[in-house]
C-alpha atoms as a PDB file:
ATOM      1  CA  MET A   1     273.055 172.951 110.710  1.00  0.00           C
ATOM      2  CA  MET A   2     269.905 171.086 111.713  1.00  0.00           C
ATOM      3  CA  THR A   3     266.951 172.780 113.390  1.00  0.00           C
ATOM      4  CA  LEU A   4     265.299 171.531 116.556  1.00  0.00           C
ATOM      5  CA  GLU A   5     261.858 172.728 115.478  1.00  0.00           C
ATOM      6  CA  GLY A   6     259.406 169.871 116.006  1.00  0.00           C
ATOM      7  CA  LYS A   7     261.968 167.591 117.645  1.00  0.00           C
ATOM      8  CA  THR A   8     261.246 165.914 120.969  1.00  0.00           C
ATOM      9  CA  ALA A   9     263.865 165.835 123.717  1.00  0.00           C
ATOM     10  CA  VAL A  10     263.857 164.109 127.097  1.00  0.00           C
ATOM     11  CA  VAL A  11     265.995 165.799 129.758  1.00  0.00           C
ATOM     12  CA  THR A  12     266.571 163.865 132.975  1.00  0.00           C
ATOM     13  CA  GLY A  13     267.466 165.663 136.172  1.00  0.00           C
ATOM     14  CA  ALA A  14     265.590 168.636 134.745  1.00  0.00           C
ATOM     15  CA  SER A  15     264.456 170.086 138.081  1.00  0.00           C
ATOM     16  CA  SER A  16     267.670 172.030 138.737  1.00  0.00           C
ATOM     17  CA  GLY A  17     271.227 172.799 137.656  1.00  0.00           C
ATOM     18  CA  ILE A  18     272.424 171.745 134.231  1.00  0.00           C
ATOM     19  CA  GLY A  19     269.252 169.841 133.388  1.00  0.00           C
ATOM     20  CA  LYS A  20     266.974 172.808 134.065  1.00  0.00           C
ATOM     21  CA  VAL A  21     269.015 175.143 131.873  1.00  0.00           C
ATOM     22  CA  VAL A  22     269.439 172.558 129.100  1.00  0.00           C
ATOM     23  CA  ALA A  23     265.690 171.908 128.990  1.00  0.00           C
ATOM     24  CA  ALA A  24     264.915 175.622 128.717  1.00  0.00           C
ATOM     25  CA  ARG A  25     267.541 176.104 126.014  1.00  0.00           C
ATOM     26  CA  LEU A  26     266.315 173.172 123.899  1.00  0.00           C
ATOM     27  CA  ALA A  27     262.758 174.495 124.144  1.00  0.00           C
ATOM     28  CA  ALA A  28     263.962 177.962 123.131  1.00  0.00           C
ATOM     29  CA  GLU A  29     265.486 176.318 120.054  1.00  0.00           C
ATOM     30  CA  GLY A  30     262.062 174.879 119.164  1.00  0.00           C
ATOM     31  CA  ALA A  31     262.157 171.391 120.670  1.00  0.00           C
ATOM     32  CA  ASN A  32     259.318 169.915 122.691  1.00  0.00           C
ATOM     33  CA  VAL A  33     260.833 168.856 125.999  1.00  0.00           C
ATOM     34  CA  ILE A  34     259.917 166.136 128.481  1.00  0.00           C
ATOM     35  CA  LEU A  35     261.092 167.243 131.921  1.00  0.00           C
ATOM     36  CA  ALA A  36     262.053 164.218 134.016  1.00  0.00           C
ATOM     37  CA  ALA A  37     263.053 164.262 137.692  1.00  0.00           C
ATOM     38  CA  ARG A  38     261.689 163.229 141.078  1.00  0.00           C
ATOM     39  CA  SER A  39     260.574 166.713 142.212  1.00  0.00           C
ATOM     40  CA  ILE A  40     257.286 167.318 140.428  1.00  0.00           C
ATOM     41  CA  GLU A  41     256.907 170.727 142.120  1.00  0.00           C
ATOM     42  CA  LYS A  42     260.125 172.066 140.601  1.00  0.00           C
ATOM     43  CA  LEU A  43     259.342 170.435 137.259  1.00  0.00           C
ATOM     44  CA  THR A  44     255.905 172.045 137.176  1.00  0.00           C
ATOM     45  CA  GLU A  45     257.447 175.483 137.747  1.00  0.00           C
ATOM     46  CA  LEU A  46     259.852 174.908 134.856  1.00  0.00           C
ATOM     47  CA  GLU A  47     257.044 173.551 132.669  1.00  0.00           C
ATOM     48  CA  GLU A  48     255.048 176.745 133.216  1.00  0.00           C
ATOM     49  CA  GLN A  49     258.118 178.895 132.547  1.00  0.00           C
ATOM     50  CA  ILE A  50     258.899 177.159 129.262  1.00  0.00           C
ATOM     51  CA  ASN A  51     255.309 177.078 128.042  1.00  0.00           C
ATOM     52  CA  GLY A  52     254.958 180.776 128.785  1.00  0.00           C
ATOM     53  CA  ALA A  53     258.107 181.725 126.900  1.00  0.00           C
ATOM     54  CA  GLY A  54     257.155 180.579 123.408  1.00  0.00           C
ATOM     55  CA  GLY A  55     259.179 178.093 121.390  1.00  0.00           C
ATOM     56  CA  GLY A  56     258.773 174.402 122.104  1.00  0.00           C
ATOM     57  CA  GLU A  57     256.390 172.907 124.620  1.00  0.00           C
ATOM     58  CA  ALA A  58     257.274 171.255 127.935  1.00  0.00           C
ATOM     59  CA  ILE A  59     255.653 168.400 129.835  1.00  0.00           C
ATOM     60  CA  ALA A  60     256.675 167.586 133.404  1.00  0.00           C
ATOM     61  CA  VAL A  61     256.819 163.893 134.294  1.00  0.00           C
ATOM     62  CA  ALA A  62     257.803 162.793 137.804  1.00  0.00           C
ATOM     63  CA  THR A  63     260.462 160.135 137.233  1.00  0.00           C
ATOM     64  CA  ASP A  64     262.745 158.054 139.451  1.00  0.00           C
ATOM     65  CA  MET A  65     265.765 157.267 137.289  1.00  0.00           C
ATOM     66  CA  THR A  66     266.722 154.368 139.565  1.00  0.00           C
ATOM     67  CA  ASP A  67     263.404 152.632 138.802  1.00  0.00           C
ATOM     68  CA  ARG A  68     263.300 151.067 135.333  1.00  0.00           C
ATOM     69  CA  LYS A  69     259.493 150.982 135.228  1.00  0.00           C
ATOM     70  CA  SER A  70     259.297 154.660 136.171  1.00  0.00           C
ATOM     71  CA  VAL A  71     261.729 155.553 133.381  1.00  0.00           C
ATOM     72  CA  GLU A  72     259.854 153.440 130.837  1.00  0.00           C
ATOM     73  CA  SER A  73     256.567 155.058 131.879  1.00  0.00           C
ATOM     74  CA  MET A  74     258.105 158.496 131.345  1.00  0.00           C
ATOM     75  CA  ALA A  75     259.304 157.523 127.859  1.00  0.00           C
ATOM     76  CA  ALA A  76     255.866 156.110 127.027  1.00  0.00           C
ATOM     77  CA  LYS A  77     254.248 159.439 127.984  1.00  0.00           C
ATOM     78  CA  ALA A  78     256.730 161.265 125.744  1.00  0.00           C
ATOM     79  CA  LYS A  79     255.882 159.009 122.800  1.00  0.00           C
ATOM     80  CA  GLU A  80     252.152 159.361 123.487  1.00  0.00           C
ATOM     81  CA  ALA A  81     252.426 163.144 123.483  1.00  0.00           C
ATOM     82  CA  TYR A  82     254.767 163.628 120.514  1.00  0.00           C
ATOM     83  CA  GLY A  83     255.043 160.322 118.654  1.00  0.00           C
ATOM     84  CA  ALA A  84     258.776 159.779 119.080  1.00  0.00           C
ATOM     85  CA  VAL A  85     261.779 160.822 121.146  1.00  0.00           C
ATOM     86  CA  ASP A  86     264.540 162.322 119.007  1.00  0.00           C
ATOM     87  CA  ILE A  87     266.986 163.305 121.774  1.00  0.00           C
ATOM     88  CA  ILE A  88     267.635 162.183 125.318  1.00  0.00           C
ATOM     89  CA  VAL A  89     269.934 164.096 127.640  1.00  0.00           C
ATOM     90  CA  ASN A  90     270.964 161.714 130.418  1.00  0.00           C
ATOM     91  CA  ASN A  91     271.806 164.369 132.970  1.00  0.00           C
ATOM     92  CA  ALA A  92     270.471 163.069 136.303  1.00  0.00           C
ATOM     93  CA  GLY A  93     273.382 162.392 138.632  1.00  0.00           C
ATOM     94  CA  GLN A  94     274.617 162.325 142.207  1.00  0.00           C
ATOM     95  CA  MET A  95     277.975 163.344 143.659  1.00  0.00           C
ATOM     96  CA  LEU A  96     278.239 162.040 147.220  1.00  0.00           C
ATOM     97  CA  SER A  97     281.119 160.782 149.366  1.00  0.00           C
ATOM     98  CA  GLY A  98     283.713 159.538 146.892  1.00  0.00           C
ATOM     99  CA  THR A  99     286.250 157.683 149.026  1.00  0.00           C
ATOM    100  CA  VAL A 100     286.339 153.952 149.638  1.00  0.00           C
ATOM    101  CA  ARG A 101     287.836 154.457 153.112  1.00  0.00           C
ATOM    102  CA  SER A 102     284.686 156.282 154.200  1.00  0.00           C
ATOM    103  CA  GLY A 103     282.785 153.008 154.091  1.00  0.00           C
ATOM    104  CA  LYS A 104     279.599 154.863 153.129  1.00  0.00           C
ATOM    105  CA  THR A 105     278.126 151.977 151.169  1.00  0.00           C
ATOM    106  CA  GLU A 106     274.641 153.485 150.945  1.00  0.00           C
ATOM    107  CA  GLU A 107     276.067 156.565 149.239  1.00  0.00           C
ATOM    108  CA  TRP A 108     278.078 154.386 146.839  1.00  0.00           C
ATOM    109  CA  GLU A 109     274.949 152.440 145.946  1.00  0.00           C
ATOM    110  CA  SER A 110     272.970 155.628 145.409  1.00  0.00           C
ATOM    111  CA  MET A 111     275.583 156.977 142.983  1.00  0.00           C
ATOM    112  CA  ILE A 112     275.756 153.665 141.138  1.00  0.00           C
ATOM    113  CA  ASP A 113     271.960 153.512 140.859  1.00  0.00           C
ATOM    114  CA  VAL A 114     271.567 157.078 139.555  1.00  0.00           C
ATOM    115  CA  ASN A 115     274.798 157.667 137.642  1.00  0.00           C
ATOM    116  CA  ILE A 116     275.081 154.284 135.929  1.00  0.00           C
ATOM    117  CA  LYS A 117     271.768 152.435 136.055  1.00  0.00           C
ATOM    118  CA  GLY A 118     269.827 155.649 135.492  1.00  0.00           C
ATOM    119  CA  VAL A 119     271.780 156.354 132.305  1.00  0.00           C
ATOM    120  CA  LEU A 120     271.257 152.800 131.060  1.00  0.00           C
ATOM    121  CA  TYR A 121     267.538 152.887 131.853  1.00  0.00           C
ATOM    122  CA  GLY A 122     267.189 156.217 130.062  1.00  0.00           C
ATOM    123  CA  ILE A 123     268.940 154.909 126.971  1.00  0.00           C
ATOM    124  CA  HIS A 124     266.974 151.658 126.992  1.00  0.00           C
ATOM    125  CA  SER A 125     263.663 153.527 127.168  1.00  0.00           C
ATOM    126  CA  VAL A 126     264.171 155.349 123.857  1.00  0.00           C
ATOM    127  CA  LEU A 127     266.839 153.486 121.883  1.00  0.00           C
ATOM    128  CA  PRO A 128     264.668 150.814 120.182  1.00  0.00           C
ATOM    129  CA  GLY A 129     262.500 153.498 118.610  1.00  0.00           C
ATOM    130  CA  MET A 130     265.541 155.461 117.455  1.00  0.00           C
ATOM    131  CA  ILE A 131     267.068 152.400 115.809  1.00  0.00           C
ATOM    132  CA  GLU A 132     263.759 151.586 114.130  1.00  0.00           C
ATOM    133  CA  ARG A 133     263.503 155.106 112.693  1.00  0.00           C
ATOM    134  CA  GLY A 134     267.188 155.286 111.798  1.00  0.00           C
ATOM    135  CA  SER A 135     267.727 158.540 113.689  1.00  0.00           C
ATOM    136  CA  GLY A 136     268.145 159.865 117.208  1.00  0.00           C
ATOM    137  CA  HIS A 137     270.704 161.351 119.559  1.00  0.00           C
ATOM    138  CA  LEU A 138     271.896 160.088 122.942  1.00  0.00           C
ATOM    139  CA  ILE A 139     273.576 162.750 125.105  1.00  0.00           C
ATOM    140  CA  ASN A 140     275.292 161.444 128.224  1.00  0.00           C
ATOM    141  CA  ILE A 141     276.425 163.979 130.818  1.00  0.00           C
ATOM    142  CA  ASP A 142     279.704 162.628 132.153  1.00  0.00           C
ATOM    143  CA  SER A 143     282.291 164.681 134.072  1.00  0.00           C
ATOM    144  CA  VAL A 144     285.988 165.456 133.998  1.00  0.00           C
ATOM    145  CA  SER A 145     285.942 163.015 136.933  1.00  0.00           C
ATOM    146  CA  GLY A 146     285.293 160.388 134.285  1.00  0.00           C
ATOM    147  CA  HIS A 147     288.767 161.158 132.930  1.00  0.00           C
ATOM    148  CA  GLU A 148     290.687 161.796 136.151  1.00  0.00           C
ATOM    149  CA  VAL A 149     290.535 160.542 139.758  1.00  0.00           C
ATOM    150  CA  THR A 150     291.375 162.490 142.906  1.00  0.00           C
ATOM    151  CA  LYS A 151     291.909 161.105 146.396  1.00  0.00           C
ATOM    152  CA  THR A 152     288.354 162.097 147.332  1.00  0.00           C
ATOM    153  CA  SER A 153     286.523 161.054 144.133  1.00  0.00           C
ATOM    154  CA  THR A 154     287.222 157.318 143.806  1.00  0.00           C
ATOM    155  CA  VAL A 155     283.639 156.037 143.762  1.00  0.00           C
ATOM    156  CA  TYR A 156     282.124 159.039 142.001  1.00  0.00           C
ATOM    157  CA  SER A 157     284.858 158.872 139.366  1.00  0.00           C
ATOM    158  CA  ALA A 158     284.185 155.162 138.941  1.00  0.00           C
ATOM    159  CA  THR A 159     280.565 155.888 138.084  1.00  0.00           C
ATOM    160  CA  LYS A 160     281.574 158.608 135.637  1.00  0.00           C
ATOM    161  CA  PHE A 161     284.235 156.412 134.023  1.00  0.00           C
ATOM    162  CA  ALA A 162     281.348 153.981 133.503  1.00  0.00           C
ATOM    163  CA  VAL A 163     279.245 156.655 131.780  1.00  0.00           C
ATOM    164  CA  ARG A 164     282.140 157.389 129.448  1.00  0.00           C
ATOM    165  CA  ALA A 165     282.596 153.662 128.739  1.00  0.00           C
ATOM    166  CA  ILE A 166     278.883 153.344 127.951  1.00  0.00           C
ATOM    167  CA  SER A 167     279.140 156.260 125.527  1.00  0.00           C
ATOM    168  CA  MET A 168     282.242 154.837 123.836  1.00  0.00           C
ATOM    169  CA  GLY A 169     280.671 151.408 123.517  1.00  0.00           C
ATOM    170  CA  LEU A 170     277.440 152.792 122.109  1.00  0.00           C
ATOM    171  CA  GLU A 171     279.351 154.719 119.450  1.00  0.00           C
ATOM    172  CA  LYS A 172     280.522 151.339 118.151  1.00  0.00           C
ATOM    173  CA  GLU A 173     277.261 149.457 118.731  1.00  0.00           C
ATOM    174  CA  LEU A 174     275.264 152.079 116.848  1.00  0.00           C
ATOM    175  CA  ALA A 175     277.626 152.681 113.930  1.00  0.00           C
ATOM    176  CA  ARG A 176     275.655 153.012 110.672  1.00  0.00           C
ATOM    177  CA  THR A 177     272.280 152.963 112.465  1.00  0.00           C
ATOM    178  CA  GLY A 178     271.759 156.733 112.186  1.00  0.00           C
ATOM    179  CA  VAL A 179     271.702 157.077 115.984  1.00  0.00           C
ATOM    180  CA  ARG A 180     274.344 159.474 117.306  1.00  0.00           C
ATOM    181  CA  VAL A 181     276.066 159.477 120.703  1.00  0.00           C
ATOM    182  CA  THR A 182     277.706 162.414 122.463  1.00  0.00           C
ATOM    183  CA  ASN A 183     279.549 162.270 125.780  1.00  0.00           C
ATOM    184  CA  ILE A 184     279.725 165.653 127.552  1.00  0.00           C
ATOM    185  CA  SER A 185     282.344 165.994 130.305  1.00  0.00           C
ATOM    186  CA  PRO A 186     281.968 169.250 132.257  1.00  0.00           C
ATOM    187  CA  GLY A 187     284.457 170.534 134.757  1.00  0.00           C
ATOM    188  CA  MET A 188     283.192 172.376 137.834  1.00  0.00           C
ATOM    189  CA  VAL A 189     279.778 173.922 137.151  1.00  0.00           C
ATOM    190  CA  ASP A 190     277.787 176.292 139.327  1.00  0.00           C
ATOM    191  CA  THR A 191     274.978 173.901 140.334  1.00  0.00           C
ATOM    192  CA  PRO A 192     273.534 172.470 143.579  1.00  0.00           C
ATOM    193  CA  LEU A 193     275.906 169.484 143.187  1.00  0.00           C
ATOM    194  CA  MET A 194     278.752 171.799 144.149  1.00  0.00           C
ATOM    195  CA  GLY A 195     277.340 172.165 147.643  1.00  0.00           C
ATOM    196  CA  SER A 196     279.594 174.270 149.841  1.00  0.00           C
ATOM    197  CA  ARG A 197     282.832 173.516 147.973  1.00  0.00           C
ATOM    198  CA  SER A 198     285.085 176.552 147.787  1.00  0.00           C
ATOM    199  CA  VAL A 199     286.931 177.450 144.585  1.00  0.00           C
ATOM    200  CA  ASP A 200     289.563 180.023 143.719  1.00  0.00           C
ATOM    201  CA  ARG A 201     288.561 180.719 140.128  1.00  0.00           C
ATOM    202  CA  LYS A 202     285.518 181.419 137.983  1.00  0.00           C
ATOM    203  CA  ILE A 203     283.587 178.211 137.309  1.00  0.00           C
ATOM    204  CA  LEU A 204     281.339 177.148 134.468  1.00  0.00           C
ATOM    205  CA  ASP A 205     277.738 178.235 134.110  1.00  0.00           C
ATOM    206  CA  PRO A 206     275.079 175.619 133.188  1.00  0.00           C
ATOM    207  CA  GLU A 207     274.418 177.654 130.044  1.00  0.00           C
ATOM    208  CA  ASN A 208     277.936 176.760 128.850  1.00  0.00           C
ATOM    209  CA  ILE A 209     276.925 173.091 128.914  1.00  0.00           C
ATOM    210  CA  ALA A 210     273.594 173.822 127.233  1.00  0.00           C
ATOM    211  CA  GLN A 211     275.410 175.581 124.382  1.00  0.00           C
ATOM    212  CA  ALA A 212     277.629 172.539 123.851  1.00  0.00           C
ATOM    213  CA  ILE A 213     274.599 170.261 123.693  1.00  0.00           C
ATOM    214  CA  VAL A 214     272.833 172.490 121.172  1.00  0.00           C
ATOM    215  CA  TYR A 215     276.016 172.473 119.083  1.00  0.00           C
ATOM    216  CA  ALA A 216     276.130 168.659 119.068  1.00  0.00           C
ATOM    217  CA  VAL A 217     272.455 168.028 118.297  1.00  0.00           C
ATOM    218  CA  THR A 218     272.233 170.590 115.493  1.00  0.00           C
ATOM    219  CA  GLN A 219     275.079 169.169 113.423  1.00  0.00           C
ATOM    220  CA  PRO A 220     274.162 167.626 110.048  1.00  0.00           C
ATOM    221  CA  ALA A 221     272.729 164.115 110.369  1.00  0.00           C
ATOM    222  CA  HIS A 222     275.962 162.479 109.154  1.00  0.00           C
ATOM    223  CA  VAL A 223     278.105 164.301 111.761  1.00  0.00           C
ATOM    224  CA  ASN A 224     278.514 162.644 115.159  1.00  0.00           C
ATOM    225  CA  VAL A 225     280.207 164.763 117.828  1.00  0.00           C
ATOM    226  CA  ASN A 226     281.393 161.957 120.105  1.00  0.00           C
ATOM    227  CA  GLU A 227     283.138 163.769 122.938  1.00  0.00           C
ATOM    228  CA  ILE A 228     283.093 167.294 124.370  1.00  0.00           C
ATOM    229  CA  THR A 229     285.144 168.183 127.441  1.00  0.00           C
ATOM    230  CA  ILE A 230     284.405 171.591 128.946  1.00  0.00           C
ATOM    231  CA  ARG A 231     286.628 173.114 131.642  1.00  0.00           C
ATOM    232  CA  PRO A 232     286.873 176.566 133.174  1.00  0.00           C
ATOM    233  CA  VAL A 233     289.999 178.476 132.148  1.00  0.00           C
END
């Protein structure tokens, strides 16, 4: 197994939920972590928590994943601080009204901008350097909604199907480059995205997703874990 000591990881959507827990876990494993999200206040709190816990360092960078220049600026700060980005966890996402009948076009556009464009911008900001070095790992946080569609998830599922398609295409584009791609598809996770939805069973904890990511990124360099689907029992 590989170690994360001295590696640099970017985690988008790091201010809460899965991203917050993933960032803390990667730092605990020794990685230096760039915390990217719009809420600098929440990021600063997490930065202080990580830097006070030992392990890897953390740097908070206010980032709008729907703005390509903002994402590129974040990646530039990561490279300035640590020389290279070894891992990016494209976690930032939105789950709003998912039906077409609702006619909520602004919510559709917001999900498309964050869930699809944000992932592409994140990848684009670090991929050239990874290809040049012949190593790197792209982690895309998808969803089981990227595999299945319900009557209330049409638009959201469409954006997550797109994330899965991006991951599958990149696996082929990046074959033999040394850059690995992992698509993570969680089921229902206890995060703010859940809102007030009621459930009748125990749901996943963000730490369950963090463990899967650590598993994927610590495999030997020649092992590419392409797809992990995680559901509650």
